Protein backbone atom coordinates (compact mmCIF):
# COMPACT_ATOMS: atom_id res chain seq x y z
CA MET A 1 112.82 -90.41 148.38
CA LYS A 2 115.35 -92.74 146.85
CA MET A 3 112.98 -93.30 143.94
CA LEU A 4 112.82 -89.55 143.29
CA ASP A 5 116.59 -89.31 143.39
CA THR A 6 116.82 -92.12 140.87
CA LEU A 7 114.23 -90.48 138.64
CA PHE A 8 115.98 -87.12 138.74
CA GLY A 9 119.25 -88.87 138.05
CA HIS A 10 117.86 -90.45 134.90
CA LEU A 11 116.33 -87.16 133.80
CA GLY A 12 119.63 -85.40 134.39
CA SER A 13 121.46 -87.94 132.26
CA LEU A 14 118.93 -87.40 129.44
CA ALA A 15 119.24 -83.61 129.59
CA PRO A 16 122.22 -83.37 127.16
CA THR A 17 120.40 -85.61 124.67
CA ALA A 18 117.24 -83.51 124.91
CA VAL A 19 119.19 -80.28 124.49
CA THR A 20 121.06 -81.70 121.48
CA LEU A 21 117.80 -82.90 119.91
CA VAL A 22 116.19 -79.49 120.36
CA LEU A 23 119.26 -77.77 118.88
CA VAL A 24 119.26 -80.13 115.89
CA ILE A 25 115.57 -79.43 115.22
CA LEU A 26 116.12 -75.68 115.51
CA VAL A 27 119.14 -75.76 113.20
CA LEU A 28 117.24 -77.83 110.62
CA SER A 29 114.22 -75.54 110.81
CA ILE A 30 116.26 -72.32 110.52
CA THR A 31 118.45 -73.74 107.75
CA ARG A 32 115.46 -74.99 105.80
CA ARG A 33 113.72 -71.63 106.08
CA ALA A 34 116.83 -69.70 105.07
CA MET A 35 117.68 -71.98 102.15
CA GLU A 36 114.08 -72.10 100.94
CA ARG A 37 113.85 -68.32 101.11
CA ARG A 38 117.09 -67.96 99.18
CA ARG A 39 115.96 -70.57 96.62
CA ILE A 40 112.64 -68.79 96.10
CA ARG A 41 114.38 -65.46 95.62
CA THR A 42 116.94 -66.83 93.17
CA GLY A 43 114.67 -69.31 91.42
CA GLY A 44 117.10 -72.20 91.90
CA PRO A 45 116.02 -75.87 91.81
CA LYS A 46 114.82 -77.68 94.94
CA ILE A 47 117.45 -80.37 94.52
CA GLY A 48 120.18 -78.40 96.32
CA THR A 49 117.97 -77.65 99.31
CA GLN A 50 116.82 -81.26 99.61
CA VAL A 51 120.35 -82.67 99.46
CA ALA A 52 121.71 -80.14 101.98
CA LEU A 53 118.90 -80.81 104.47
CA THR A 54 119.39 -84.56 104.10
CA LEU A 55 123.09 -84.31 104.89
CA LEU A 56 122.41 -81.93 107.77
CA GLY A 57 119.79 -84.32 109.14
CA LEU A 58 122.26 -87.20 109.07
CA GLY A 59 124.78 -85.03 110.92
CA GLY A 60 122.15 -84.18 113.53
CA LEU A 61 121.31 -87.87 113.99
CA LEU A 62 124.99 -88.61 114.57
CA ALA A 63 125.21 -85.79 117.14
CA VAL A 64 122.22 -87.17 119.05
CA LEU A 65 123.75 -90.65 119.09
CA LEU A 66 127.04 -89.29 120.44
CA VAL A 67 125.39 -87.71 123.51
CA LEU A 68 123.06 -90.60 124.37
CA PRO A 69 123.57 -91.74 127.99
CA ILE A 70 124.81 -95.22 127.04
CA ASN A 71 128.18 -96.89 127.25
CA ASP A 72 130.72 -96.60 124.46
CA SER A 73 130.22 -100.16 123.26
CA ALA A 74 126.48 -99.76 122.84
CA ARG A 75 126.98 -96.35 121.21
CA GLY A 76 129.42 -97.82 118.73
CA GLN A 77 127.06 -100.65 117.88
CA LEU A 78 124.17 -98.20 117.39
CA ILE A 79 126.23 -95.95 115.11
CA SER A 80 127.38 -99.00 113.15
CA LEU A 81 123.77 -100.15 112.76
CA VAL A 82 122.70 -96.75 111.41
CA GLY A 83 125.66 -96.76 109.04
CA ILE A 84 124.79 -100.25 107.78
CA VAL A 85 121.15 -99.28 107.20
CA ILE A 86 122.15 -96.15 105.26
CA SER A 87 124.80 -97.99 103.26
CA ALA A 88 122.41 -100.83 102.40
CA SER A 89 119.72 -98.36 101.31
CA ILE A 90 122.16 -96.51 99.07
CA ALA A 91 123.58 -99.75 97.65
CA LEU A 92 120.18 -101.22 96.83
CA SER A 93 118.79 -98.11 95.20
CA SER A 94 121.90 -96.35 93.94
CA GLY A 95 121.68 -97.72 90.42
CA THR A 96 118.22 -96.38 89.74
CA LEU A 97 118.27 -93.32 91.97
CA VAL A 98 121.67 -92.01 90.94
CA SER A 99 121.05 -92.54 87.23
CA ASN A 100 117.67 -90.79 87.39
CA ALA A 101 119.07 -87.98 89.53
CA MET A 102 121.99 -87.37 87.15
CA ALA A 103 119.64 -87.51 84.17
CA GLY A 104 117.38 -84.98 85.92
CA VAL A 105 120.30 -82.58 86.36
CA ILE A 106 121.29 -82.98 82.71
CA ILE A 107 117.71 -82.49 81.49
CA ARG A 108 117.06 -79.42 83.65
CA ILE A 109 120.42 -77.63 83.57
CA VAL A 110 123.06 -79.03 81.25
CA GLY A 111 121.63 -80.81 78.24
CA ARG A 112 118.17 -80.72 76.76
CA ARG A 113 116.89 -77.89 78.92
CA LEU A 114 113.27 -78.90 79.30
CA ASN A 115 110.96 -76.33 80.86
CA ILE A 116 107.53 -76.32 82.43
CA GLY A 117 104.83 -76.04 79.76
CA ASP A 118 106.91 -77.47 76.90
CA ILE A 119 105.22 -80.00 74.60
CA ILE A 120 107.21 -83.24 74.38
CA VAL A 121 106.75 -86.33 72.21
CA LEU A 122 108.47 -89.45 73.54
CA GLU A 123 107.75 -92.94 72.16
CA GLY A 124 103.99 -92.81 72.24
CA HIS A 125 103.80 -90.31 75.09
CA THR A 126 102.70 -86.84 74.02
CA GLY A 127 101.87 -84.05 76.43
CA ARG A 128 102.91 -80.84 78.15
CA ILE A 129 105.47 -80.88 80.94
CA THR A 130 103.94 -79.98 84.31
CA GLU A 131 106.77 -80.93 86.67
CA LEU A 132 110.51 -81.61 86.47
CA GLY A 133 111.52 -83.56 89.56
CA LEU A 134 114.78 -85.01 90.80
CA PHE A 135 113.98 -88.52 89.58
CA ALA A 136 111.09 -88.17 87.13
CA ALA A 137 109.26 -85.71 84.89
CA GLN A 138 105.49 -85.33 84.90
CA ILE A 139 103.56 -84.64 81.71
CA GLN A 140 99.86 -84.02 81.14
CA THR A 141 98.51 -85.94 78.16
CA ARG A 142 95.76 -84.99 75.74
CA GLU A 143 93.28 -86.88 77.92
CA ARG A 144 94.15 -84.62 80.93
CA ASN A 145 95.86 -87.57 82.61
CA LEU A 146 99.21 -87.19 84.40
CA THR A 147 102.07 -89.46 83.38
CA TRP A 148 105.36 -89.77 85.27
CA ILE A 149 108.39 -90.62 83.14
CA PRO A 150 111.77 -91.48 84.76
CA ASN A 151 114.50 -89.04 83.81
CA GLN A 152 116.84 -91.82 82.70
CA TRP A 153 114.14 -93.11 80.34
CA ILE A 154 113.95 -89.67 78.74
CA MET A 155 117.72 -89.55 78.29
CA ASP A 156 117.94 -93.06 76.78
CA ARG A 157 115.31 -92.49 74.09
CA PRO A 158 114.91 -90.00 71.24
CA SER A 159 112.43 -87.31 72.18
CA THR A 160 110.89 -84.42 70.29
CA LEU A 161 110.45 -81.06 71.97
CA ILE A 162 107.94 -78.74 70.32
CA ARG A 163 109.54 -75.31 70.11
CA PRO A 164 107.52 -72.55 71.83
CA SER A 165 108.21 -70.24 68.90
CA GLY A 166 106.24 -72.49 66.56
CA THR A 167 106.25 -75.79 64.71
CA ILE A 168 105.33 -77.18 61.29
CA ILE A 169 102.14 -79.25 61.11
CA TRP A 170 100.92 -81.21 58.11
CA THR A 171 98.25 -83.44 56.67
CA ARG A 172 97.96 -85.68 53.62
CA VAL A 173 95.19 -86.31 51.15
CA SER A 174 94.83 -88.82 48.29
CA LEU A 175 93.28 -87.63 45.03
CA SER A 176 92.64 -89.08 41.63
CA TYR A 177 95.26 -89.06 38.85
CA ALA A 178 92.67 -87.20 36.79
CA GLU A 179 93.16 -84.06 38.91
CA ASP A 180 95.72 -81.54 37.68
CA ARG A 181 98.61 -81.07 40.10
CA SER A 182 98.93 -77.38 39.22
CA LYS A 183 95.35 -76.92 40.42
CA ILE A 184 95.56 -79.06 43.57
CA GLU A 185 98.68 -77.60 45.17
CA PRO A 186 97.41 -73.95 45.22
CA LEU A 187 94.13 -75.17 46.72
CA LEU A 188 95.97 -76.99 49.50
CA VAL A 189 98.05 -73.88 50.25
CA GLU A 190 94.83 -71.85 50.33
CA ALA A 191 93.34 -74.35 52.80
CA ALA A 192 96.39 -74.12 55.08
CA GLU A 193 96.27 -70.33 55.06
CA ALA A 194 92.55 -70.42 55.83
CA ALA A 195 93.38 -72.57 58.86
CA GLY A 196 95.70 -69.83 60.14
CA LEU A 197 99.03 -71.37 59.16
CA GLU A 198 101.99 -69.34 57.97
CA ASN A 199 104.48 -70.10 55.17
CA ALA A 200 102.27 -72.87 53.83
CA PHE A 201 103.42 -75.11 50.97
CA ALA A 202 102.15 -78.28 49.27
CA TYR A 203 103.77 -81.00 47.19
CA VAL A 204 103.24 -84.48 45.76
CA HIS A 205 104.15 -87.01 48.45
CA GLU A 206 103.58 -90.32 46.69
CA LEU A 207 102.43 -91.76 43.38
CA GLY A 208 100.34 -94.73 44.39
CA ASN A 209 98.72 -97.46 42.32
CA HIS A 210 95.30 -95.84 42.51
CA ALA A 211 95.81 -92.26 43.70
CA VAL A 212 98.23 -89.38 44.12
CA THR A 213 99.05 -88.48 47.72
CA TYR A 214 99.61 -84.78 48.43
CA THR A 215 101.10 -83.25 51.58
CA VAL A 216 100.43 -79.72 52.80
CA ARG A 217 102.49 -78.13 55.56
CA GLY A 218 102.44 -74.84 57.42
CA LEU A 219 103.80 -73.07 60.48
CA VAL A 220 101.64 -72.72 63.60
CA THR A 221 103.08 -70.16 66.02
CA ASP A 222 100.74 -70.75 68.96
CA THR A 223 101.88 -74.20 70.08
CA ALA A 224 99.44 -74.14 73.00
CA GLN A 225 96.70 -74.59 70.36
CA LEU A 226 98.61 -77.26 68.44
CA LEU A 227 95.90 -79.94 68.47
CA GLN A 228 93.23 -77.46 67.46
CA ALA A 229 95.41 -76.23 64.61
CA GLN A 230 95.88 -79.78 63.33
CA ALA A 231 92.13 -80.42 63.38
CA GLN A 232 91.42 -77.10 61.68
CA LEU A 233 93.95 -77.86 58.95
CA ARG A 234 92.31 -81.19 58.10
CA ALA A 235 88.85 -79.62 58.13
CA SER A 236 90.00 -76.71 55.95
CA VAL A 237 91.54 -79.08 53.39
CA LEU A 238 88.29 -81.01 53.25
CA ASP A 239 86.13 -77.90 52.83
CA THR A 240 88.42 -76.21 50.30
CA LEU A 241 88.64 -79.24 48.00
CA HIS A 242 84.92 -79.88 48.18
CA ALA A 243 84.19 -76.24 47.41
CA ALA A 244 86.37 -76.56 44.29
CA GLU A 245 84.42 -79.69 43.21
CA ILE A 246 87.45 -81.93 43.84
CA GLU A 247 86.64 -85.50 44.83
CA ILE A 248 88.73 -86.83 47.71
CA VAL A 249 88.48 -90.41 46.52
CA SER A 250 90.67 -92.80 44.53
CA PRO A 251 89.49 -94.70 41.42
CA VAL A 252 89.45 -97.99 43.34
CA HIS A 253 86.19 -96.87 44.95
CA GLU A 254 84.49 -97.14 41.53
CA VAL A 255 85.19 -100.86 41.55
CA SER A 256 84.25 -101.59 45.13
CA ARG A 257 81.14 -99.41 45.19
CA ARG A 258 80.08 -99.61 41.51
CA LEU A 259 79.48 -95.88 41.19
CA ALA A 260 77.82 -94.47 38.13
CA ASP A 261 79.93 -92.61 35.58
CA ASP A 262 78.43 -89.26 36.54
CA ALA A 263 78.39 -89.92 40.32
CA VAL A 264 80.52 -87.71 42.56
CA VAL A 265 81.49 -88.28 46.18
CA ILE A 266 81.01 -84.77 47.58
CA PRO A 267 78.70 -83.82 50.47
CA ASP A 268 75.66 -81.72 49.64
CA ARG A 269 76.86 -78.13 49.79
CA GLU A 270 73.64 -76.92 51.37
CA ALA A 271 73.80 -79.60 54.05
CA ARG A 272 77.34 -78.77 55.06
CA ARG A 273 77.80 -76.58 58.09
CA ALA A 274 80.23 -73.72 57.60
CA GLU A 275 81.25 -73.33 61.21
CA ALA A 276 84.79 -74.24 62.23
CA VAL A 277 85.56 -77.70 63.53
CA GLN A 278 85.02 -78.04 67.24
CA VAL A 279 87.71 -79.88 69.16
CA GLN A 280 88.45 -80.17 72.82
CA PRO A 281 89.99 -76.84 73.91
CA ALA A 282 93.64 -76.87 74.89
CA HIS A 283 92.89 -75.29 78.27
CA VAL A 284 90.72 -78.31 79.10
CA MET A 285 93.19 -80.95 77.93
CA PHE A 286 96.23 -79.27 79.45
CA ASP A 287 94.72 -77.43 82.42
CA ARG A 288 97.47 -78.54 84.80
CA ALA A 289 100.18 -77.53 82.35
CA GLU A 290 98.52 -74.17 81.70
CA ALA A 291 98.31 -73.54 85.45
CA GLU A 292 102.00 -74.37 85.88
CA VAL A 293 102.97 -72.04 83.04
CA GLU A 294 100.88 -69.25 84.54
CA ARG A 295 102.41 -69.88 87.98
CA SER A 296 105.94 -69.75 86.53
CA ARG A 297 105.10 -66.49 84.77
CA ARG A 298 103.73 -64.98 87.99
CA VAL A 299 106.77 -66.16 89.96
CA GLN A 300 109.07 -64.40 87.52
CA GLU A 301 106.99 -61.21 87.74
CA VAL A 302 107.19 -61.24 91.55
CA ARG A 303 110.96 -61.83 91.46
CA ASP A 304 111.44 -58.91 89.08
CA ARG A 305 109.28 -56.71 91.31
CA LEU A 306 111.29 -57.78 94.38
CA SER A 307 114.56 -56.87 92.69
CA ALA A 308 113.20 -53.46 91.76
CA LEU A 309 111.93 -52.79 95.30
CA GLU A 310 115.23 -53.87 96.88
CA ALA A 311 117.14 -51.50 94.61
CA GLU A 312 114.67 -48.74 95.47
CA GLN A 313 115.06 -49.49 99.18
CA LYS A 314 118.85 -49.23 99.00
CA ALA A 315 118.61 -45.89 97.22
CA ALA A 316 115.99 -44.46 99.60
CA SER A 317 117.18 -42.07 102.32
CA ASP A 318 113.90 -41.46 104.16
CA LEU A 319 113.26 -43.92 107.03
CA ALA A 320 109.49 -43.89 106.48
CA GLN A 321 109.96 -44.72 102.83
CA LYS A 322 112.38 -47.53 103.71
CA SER A 323 109.79 -48.94 106.12
CA ARG A 324 107.05 -48.89 103.47
CA LEU A 325 109.31 -50.57 100.97
CA ARG A 326 110.28 -53.19 103.55
CA ASP A 327 106.61 -54.02 104.13
CA LYS A 328 106.03 -54.38 100.39
CA ILE A 329 109.07 -56.65 100.10
CA ARG A 330 107.80 -58.87 102.90
CA ARG A 331 104.38 -59.17 101.29
CA LEU A 332 105.93 -60.10 97.96
CA GLU A 333 108.19 -62.64 99.69
CA THR A 334 105.12 -64.21 101.29
CA GLU A 335 103.35 -64.35 97.93
CA LEU A 336 106.44 -65.83 96.31
CA GLY A 337 106.61 -68.50 99.00
CA GLU A 338 102.98 -69.42 98.41
CA LEU A 339 103.53 -69.64 94.67
CA GLU A 340 106.58 -71.85 95.12
CA SER A 341 105.03 -74.15 97.73
């Protein structure tokens, strides 16, 4: 009997702690759901929700420690220990974490304004952005691999962002001094236009010891097909010059290969295949990036639809109509939550 009394006494002393723990869990769960729902509806970043839940969790831990059935000395030592652990963690990682977090805020909101699906070139790293996190950005490279780059590293180094509205691509070719410039430049412009480029132009890039180097440039508006456009431009230049009986070879080859005076270095026209160059499709190289872009587009469509339904619900006077609109809003909110998860 005395043992039962002792057991019930211990359980009674633990009751406030258990109640506090349950309340903390409920508050965290409700707050997380409310903040996540609000974030999904507004399209805000996850950073605010994560920071708020972290601070709330620390407050809940402190509340649990305050109601533990222990003496004041032990409680003070326990709170001090937790404070030391948190302080040490922040001190050891603050340099890297804070710098990357601040750089992430600048990249996403204030400064460079990177977005999902953008093509970025950064010191040997080229790819499409698939994720913009608190501490690092994720890009998908041409080999379909995923590369994580710290935000601070992006801020400290020059980077090139390919504009979604289009970019200029180019290629160079070396030709003999015997070829007339007034003939070559129109052919190069014709080749760029055949490759689908806009506002194409060509010019002499360099006068070398053995050959003249020409550059042709043009605007490609579909940046999602950037790599294909570059390959098509090179192939079109090759085909156009060969079709015009222009040798893409410098005079130095006559010395190294001992070509005959009437020899030409042009592929047999009948043996050439006329089909366009085949390169790895962009949707294969950047499948993750394409999926993220499509998800972002769908998220925006659902948000716009939600706004329209909410306005329609406020203007509706019929209860049955309000109920139908409420059901549609809930379904769209569920779909939005799945897209954002």
